[in-house]
Amino acid sequence: MNLTKATRKRAKMRLSIQGPSGSGKTYGALLIAFGLCGDWSKIAIVDTESSSAELYAHLGEYNTLQLSAPFNPESFIEAIRVCEKEQMEVIIIDSASHEWDGIGGILDIHSHLPGNSFTNWSKVTPRHNAFIQSILTCSCHVITTVRSKQDYVLTDKNGKQVPEKVGMKGIQKDGYEYESTVAFEVDLHHRATVSKDRTELFTGQHEIRLDVEIGQRLKNWCEQGKVVTVDEVTGRIGDCKSIQELLSLYQIFPQYKEVLKPEFEQRKKQILIGQEVGKQLTDPQNFIPNGTH
C-alpha cells in the first residue's frame, strides 16, 4: 500500500443515455460511438430491443449481438466479453433497462425468490453489481441506454393520497447514472441535458444534440491522460501485498487484462502462499512445549 502522486491517465468512456421511447437514444448512441472510434466496424450493439438496432444500418456497417429473454445479468456480462474478444472499440448496450426490469432481470428474479423479500436482496444485488463491474472494467468504451418513464409520488390533498407527476425516472437501479463518466438525459425533441459530467466538457450547456462531434470531444478527453505502459503495470503487480490490491489493479487497467494475465495469476499464487505460511507460523499447534519448531 503506497501513496502516489495523482495523475490523470487515459480512460475509456462510460456513457449513459436516458430517455423515453422515441427520444433517439439508440441513434444518438451510434453517432457518439462513431465519434469515439471513427470506424463503424469497431462498434457493437448488444440489442435487447428485438432487432431495433438494425433500423439504422444505413449509417454504417456496425455489428449487432441479439440478446433475448431471460435478461439476467450474466447474459449481459457474457455479451460484453464476446464483444471484447472480437476486439470491438465501442460497445452499446441497448438497453440496460432490461437487466433490471425485463423478463428474467433483477426485479423479476427477486420477485420469484421464496422467503423474506428484504433479505432476498442480498441474493440478487451481487449479480447486479457484477454487471456494473463488467462495464466499469471493460477494455472498450461502453455506452448504455436506459429507458425512462413518468414518475409519480403520492401527496396529501384534502386528506386523500393523490398521485402527482414529478418528472421522468430511469428504469434501472437508483443511482445507476452515478457509475458513468457522463450521463445524458434526452427528451422527445431529441434535446439532451447533462445529469452527470466528470469531463466538465458540457458544463453550462443546454439542449445538446447527440452527434458525432460529441463523440469526438469525448474521445479527445479520454486520450489526454498519461499513457501507462505495460512495464509500469507489471511493476505495480509485484508491489501488491493482498488479493484486494491485486484485484483493484486488475480493474483499473482493463486494457492489459489479457496480456498481463500470467503476471496477475503468478502474483496471486505468491500472495496466497505467503498467507498460508503466515498462518502456519502463528498456529500454536505448530510449536512444541520447549518453544522450538
Protein backbone atom coordinates (compact mmCIF):
# COMPACT_ATOMS: atom_id res chain seq x y z
CA MET A 1 0.00 0.00 0.00
CA ASN A 2 1.78 3.14 -1.27
CA LEU A 3 0.93 6.82 -1.75
CA THR A 4 1.43 8.08 -5.31
CA LYS A 5 1.03 11.46 -6.97
CA ALA A 6 -2.37 11.93 -8.63
CA THR A 7 -2.00 11.68 -12.41
CA ARG A 8 -4.83 11.68 -14.90
CA LYS A 9 -4.49 8.59 -17.06
CA ARG A 10 -6.04 7.73 -20.38
CA ALA A 11 -9.51 6.35 -19.92
CA LYS A 12 -12.33 4.52 -21.63
CA MET A 13 -15.65 6.33 -21.77
CA ARG A 14 -18.57 5.11 -19.66
CA LEU A 15 -21.59 6.93 -21.06
CA SER A 16 -25.27 6.65 -20.10
CA ILE A 17 -28.10 7.95 -22.30
CA GLN A 18 -31.51 8.02 -20.62
CA GLY A 19 -34.81 8.93 -22.22
CA PRO A 20 -38.35 7.82 -23.12
CA SER A 21 -39.19 5.69 -26.14
CA GLY A 22 -38.76 7.74 -29.31
CA SER A 23 -36.25 10.20 -27.87
CA GLY A 24 -33.42 8.98 -30.11
CA LYS A 25 -31.27 7.12 -27.58
CA THR A 26 -30.07 4.41 -30.00
CA TYR A 27 -29.46 6.78 -32.89
CA GLY A 28 -27.58 9.22 -30.69
CA ALA A 29 -25.54 6.39 -29.15
CA LEU A 30 -24.45 5.22 -32.61
CA LEU A 31 -23.35 8.71 -33.70
CA ILE A 32 -21.37 9.20 -30.48
CA ALA A 33 -19.83 5.72 -30.85
CA PHE A 34 -18.60 6.61 -34.35
CA GLY A 35 -17.12 9.84 -32.99
CA LEU A 36 -15.29 7.82 -30.34
CA CYS A 37 -13.63 5.38 -32.73
CA GLY A 38 -14.14 6.59 -36.33
CA ASP A 39 -14.78 3.06 -37.60
CA TRP A 40 -18.27 1.54 -37.88
CA SER A 41 -16.83 -1.99 -37.99
CA LYS A 42 -15.44 -1.49 -34.46
CA ILE A 43 -18.85 -0.70 -32.97
CA ALA A 44 -21.10 -3.40 -31.49
CA ILE A 45 -24.66 -3.06 -30.20
CA VAL A 46 -25.94 -5.53 -27.61
CA ASP A 47 -29.56 -5.35 -28.77
CA THR A 48 -32.36 -6.25 -26.33
CA GLU A 49 -34.97 -4.38 -28.36
CA SER A 50 -36.00 -7.08 -30.86
CA SER A 51 -33.51 -6.09 -33.59
CA SER A 52 -34.44 -2.40 -33.44
CA ALA A 53 -30.72 -1.51 -33.63
CA GLU A 54 -30.69 -2.69 -37.25
CA LEU A 55 -33.06 0.14 -38.20
CA TYR A 56 -30.05 2.42 -38.51
CA ALA A 57 -27.91 0.11 -40.66
CA HIS A 58 -27.75 2.87 -43.30
CA LEU A 59 -25.33 4.75 -41.03
CA GLY A 60 -22.56 2.18 -41.42
CA GLU A 61 -21.60 -1.47 -41.11
CA TYR A 62 -21.64 -1.78 -37.32
CA ASN A 63 -22.15 -5.10 -35.53
CA THR A 64 -25.13 -6.35 -33.54
CA LEU A 65 -25.47 -9.03 -30.88
CA GLN A 66 -29.06 -10.04 -30.28
CA LEU A 67 -29.95 -10.64 -26.64
CA SER A 68 -33.32 -12.15 -25.77
CA ALA A 69 -35.09 -13.12 -22.56
CA PRO A 70 -34.23 -14.07 -19.89
CA PHE A 71 -32.33 -10.81 -19.41
CA ASN A 72 -30.29 -11.91 -16.40
CA PRO A 73 -27.06 -10.03 -15.53
CA GLU A 74 -24.89 -12.94 -16.61
CA SER A 75 -26.22 -12.71 -20.19
CA PHE A 76 -25.10 -9.08 -20.41
CA ILE A 77 -21.72 -9.91 -18.90
CA GLU A 78 -21.19 -12.67 -21.46
CA ALA A 79 -22.24 -10.32 -24.29
CA ILE A 80 -19.64 -7.78 -23.18
CA ARG A 81 -16.97 -10.49 -23.12
CA VAL A 82 -17.88 -11.59 -26.65
CA CYS A 83 -17.51 -8.01 -27.91
CA GLU A 84 -14.16 -7.65 -26.16
CA LYS A 85 -12.94 -10.93 -27.66
CA GLU A 86 -13.90 -9.65 -31.12
CA GLN A 87 -11.80 -6.53 -30.42
CA MET A 88 -14.58 -4.01 -30.63
CA GLU A 89 -13.71 -0.44 -29.63
CA VAL A 90 -17.19 0.72 -28.59
CA ILE A 91 -19.97 -1.39 -27.06
CA ILE A 92 -23.53 -0.04 -26.92
CA ILE A 93 -25.88 -1.82 -24.53
CA ASP A 94 -29.38 -1.03 -25.81
CA SER A 95 -30.92 -1.12 -23.34
CA ALA A 96 -29.60 -1.67 -19.82
CA SER A 97 -33.16 -1.34 -18.52
CA HIS A 98 -33.84 -4.97 -19.39
CA GLU A 99 -31.15 -6.16 -16.97
CA TRP A 100 -33.14 -4.50 -14.18
CA ASP A 101 -36.80 -4.63 -15.22
CA GLY A 102 -37.00 -7.11 -18.08
CA ILE A 103 -38.11 -10.73 -18.21
CA GLY A 104 -35.53 -12.61 -16.16
CA GLY A 105 -33.96 -9.34 -15.00
CA ILE A 106 -33.09 -8.44 -11.41
CA LEU A 107 -36.60 -7.41 -10.34
CA ASP A 108 -38.10 -10.50 -11.94
CA ILE A 109 -35.54 -12.79 -10.29
CA HIS A 110 -36.16 -11.14 -6.91
CA SER A 111 -39.95 -11.45 -7.20
CA HIS A 112 -39.70 -15.23 -7.69
CA LEU A 113 -37.44 -15.94 -4.73
CA PRO A 114 -39.11 -17.66 -1.77
CA GLY A 115 -38.83 -16.24 1.71
CA ASN A 116 -38.33 -12.73 3.03
CA SER A 117 -38.39 -10.06 0.29
CA PHE A 118 -35.99 -7.74 2.13
CA THR A 119 -33.30 -10.33 2.87
CA ASN A 120 -33.61 -11.73 -0.66
CA TRP A 121 -31.98 -8.57 -1.98
CA SER A 122 -28.68 -9.89 -0.61
CA LYS A 123 -29.01 -12.75 -3.12
CA VAL A 124 -29.62 -10.66 -6.24
CA THR A 125 -27.64 -7.46 -5.55
CA PRO A 126 -24.23 -9.15 -6.08
CA ARG A 127 -25.41 -10.30 -9.51
CA HIS A 128 -26.36 -6.74 -10.47
CA ASN A 129 -23.06 -5.43 -9.07
CA ALA A 130 -21.18 -7.93 -11.23
CA PHE A 131 -22.96 -6.48 -14.28
CA ILE A 132 -21.89 -2.95 -13.27
CA GLN A 133 -18.30 -4.11 -12.72
CA SER A 134 -18.21 -5.73 -16.16
CA ILE A 135 -18.99 -2.31 -17.65
CA LEU A 136 -16.51 -0.42 -15.47
CA THR A 137 -13.65 -2.83 -16.15
CA CYS A 138 -14.37 -3.35 -19.85
CA SER A 139 -11.44 -2.67 -22.19
CA CYS A 140 -13.78 -0.87 -24.64
CA HIS A 141 -15.73 2.38 -24.49
CA VAL A 142 -19.22 1.45 -23.21
CA ILE A 143 -22.43 3.35 -23.91
CA THR A 144 -25.62 2.21 -22.18
CA THR A 145 -29.12 3.39 -23.00
CA VAL A 146 -31.74 3.48 -20.26
CA ARG A 147 -35.49 3.79 -20.77
CA SER A 148 -37.32 6.38 -18.71
CA LYS A 149 -40.94 6.74 -17.72
CA GLN A 150 -43.11 9.27 -15.94
CA ASP A 151 -42.56 9.11 -12.20
CA TYR A 152 -45.20 9.85 -9.56
CA VAL A 153 -45.32 10.47 -5.83
CA LEU A 154 -48.35 10.35 -3.54
CA THR A 155 -49.25 13.69 -1.98
CA ASP A 156 -51.91 14.55 0.55
CA LYS A 157 -54.75 16.68 -0.80
CA ASN A 158 -57.79 17.26 1.40
CA GLY A 159 -57.00 14.12 3.37
CA LYS A 160 -56.61 11.93 0.27
CA GLN A 161 -53.48 10.43 -1.23
CA VAL A 162 -53.28 11.71 -4.81
CA PRO A 163 -50.58 10.78 -7.37
CA GLU A 164 -48.55 13.75 -8.61
CA LYS A 165 -46.13 13.85 -11.54
CA VAL A 166 -42.52 14.60 -10.54
CA GLY A 167 -40.65 14.14 -13.82
CA MET A 168 -39.01 11.24 -15.62
CA LYS A 169 -37.32 8.31 -13.90
CA GLY A 170 -34.84 5.88 -15.44
CA ILE A 171 -35.75 2.20 -15.48
CA GLN A 172 -32.65 0.94 -13.70
CA LYS A 173 -31.46 0.73 -10.13
CA ASP A 174 -31.49 4.09 -8.34
CA GLY A 175 -28.13 5.80 -8.76
CA TYR A 176 -27.20 3.84 -11.89
CA GLU A 177 -26.09 7.01 -13.71
CA TYR A 178 -23.52 7.76 -11.00
CA GLU A 179 -21.37 4.91 -12.31
CA SER A 180 -20.97 6.79 -15.61
CA THR A 181 -18.34 9.27 -16.67
CA VAL A 182 -21.04 11.25 -18.47
CA ALA A 183 -24.82 10.82 -18.27
CA PHE A 184 -27.23 12.43 -20.74
CA GLU A 185 -31.00 12.74 -20.40
CA VAL A 186 -32.81 13.06 -23.74
CA ASP A 187 -36.37 14.33 -24.32
CA LEU A 188 -38.85 13.59 -27.10
CA HIS A 189 -37.49 16.53 -29.11
CA HIS A 190 -34.05 14.82 -29.14
CA ARG A 191 -32.58 17.50 -26.87
CA ALA A 192 -30.09 16.27 -24.28
CA THR A 193 -29.12 17.70 -20.93
CA VAL A 194 -26.30 16.50 -18.71
CA SER A 195 -27.14 14.96 -15.33
CA LYS A 196 -23.52 14.00 -14.62
CA ASP A 197 -20.29 15.11 -16.23
CA ARG A 198 -16.85 14.19 -14.88
CA THR A 199 -15.23 15.57 -18.04
CA GLU A 200 -16.57 19.13 -17.49
CA LEU A 201 -16.93 19.36 -21.28
CA PHE A 202 -20.61 20.22 -21.12
CA THR A 203 -20.77 22.47 -18.07
CA GLY A 204 -23.42 25.15 -18.54
CA GLN A 205 -24.61 23.76 -21.87
CA HIS A 206 -28.30 23.14 -22.55
CA GLU A 207 -30.20 21.34 -25.29
CA ILE A 208 -27.21 19.36 -26.54
CA ARG A 209 -27.61 17.35 -29.73
CA LEU A 210 -26.12 13.87 -29.58
CA ASP A 211 -23.93 13.60 -32.67
CA VAL A 212 -20.53 12.54 -33.98
CA GLU A 213 -18.91 15.75 -32.75
CA ILE A 214 -19.91 14.90 -29.16
CA GLY A 215 -18.18 11.55 -29.55
CA GLN A 216 -15.04 13.21 -30.89
CA ARG A 217 -14.93 15.60 -27.92
CA LEU A 218 -15.26 12.67 -25.54
CA LYS A 219 -12.53 10.79 -27.39
CA ASN A 220 -10.14 13.74 -27.08
CA TRP A 221 -10.84 13.92 -23.35
CA CYS A 222 -10.18 10.19 -22.92
CA GLU A 223 -6.84 10.43 -24.72
CA GLN A 224 -5.49 13.47 -22.89
CA GLY A 225 -4.29 11.47 -19.92
CA LYS A 226 -0.92 9.85 -19.38
CA VAL A 227 -0.35 6.50 -21.09
CA VAL A 228 0.50 3.82 -18.55
CA THR A 229 2.90 1.27 -20.05
CA VAL A 230 2.86 -2.50 -19.63
CA ASP A 231 6.14 -2.31 -17.71
CA GLU A 232 4.65 0.18 -15.22
CA VAL A 233 1.66 -2.06 -14.56
CA THR A 234 3.95 -5.11 -14.25
CA GLY A 235 5.92 -3.29 -11.58
CA ARG A 236 2.77 -2.41 -9.69
CA ILE A 237 1.65 -6.07 -9.81
CA GLY A 238 4.79 -7.03 -7.94
CA ASP A 239 4.09 -4.36 -5.29
CA CYS A 240 0.62 -5.74 -4.44
CA LYS A 241 0.51 -7.16 -0.92
CA SER A 242 -3.05 -8.52 -0.91
CA ILE A 243 -5.58 -10.12 -3.23
CA GLN A 244 -7.77 -7.00 -2.91
CA GLU A 245 -4.91 -4.74 -4.06
CA LEU A 246 -4.27 -7.09 -6.99
CA LEU A 247 -7.96 -7.12 -7.96
CA SER A 248 -8.15 -3.33 -7.81
CA LEU A 249 -5.13 -3.03 -10.10
CA TYR A 250 -6.67 -5.57 -12.49
CA GLN A 251 -9.84 -3.48 -12.71
CA ILE A 252 -8.03 -0.15 -13.16
CA PHE A 253 -6.21 -1.30 -16.30
CA PRO A 254 -8.66 -3.48 -18.27
CA GLN A 255 -6.64 -2.94 -21.46
CA TYR A 256 -3.91 -5.14 -20.00
CA LYS A 257 -6.15 -7.91 -18.64
CA GLU A 258 -5.14 -10.44 -21.28
CA VAL A 259 -1.51 -9.60 -21.91
CA LEU A 260 -0.66 -9.49 -18.20
CA LYS A 261 -2.91 -12.33 -17.08
CA PRO A 262 0.07 -14.68 -16.35
CA GLU A 263 1.69 -12.00 -14.16
CA PHE A 264 -1.55 -11.40 -12.25
CA GLU A 265 -2.03 -15.15 -11.73
CA GLN A 266 1.58 -15.63 -10.60
CA ARG A 267 1.36 -12.79 -8.08
CA LYS A 268 -1.97 -14.16 -6.82
CA LYS A 269 -0.31 -17.53 -6.11
CA GLN A 270 2.59 -15.84 -4.32
CA ILE A 271 0.21 -13.85 -2.09
CA LEU A 272 -1.86 -16.94 -1.25
CA ILE A 273 1.28 -18.96 -0.43
CA GLY A 274 2.52 -16.12 1.76
CA GLN A 275 -0.80 -16.02 3.61
CA GLU A 276 -0.71 -19.78 4.19
CA VAL A 277 2.86 -19.66 5.51
CA GLY A 278 1.87 -16.82 7.83
CA LYS A 279 -0.98 -18.88 9.23
CA GLN A 280 1.33 -21.84 9.89
CA LEU A 281 3.88 -19.67 11.68
CA THR A 282 1.24 -18.23 14.01
CA ASP A 283 -0.60 -21.50 14.66
CA PRO A 284 0.16 -22.69 18.25
CA GLN A 285 -0.20 -26.31 17.15
CA ASN A 286 2.98 -25.93 15.07
CA PHE A 287 5.08 -25.26 18.21
CA ILE A 288 6.29 -27.85 20.76
CA PRO A 289 6.32 -27.09 24.51
CA ASN A 290 10.04 -26.14 24.70
CA GLY A 291 9.39 -23.29 22.23
CA THR A 292 11.28 -24.76 19.27
CA HIS A 293 9.78 -25.85 15.95
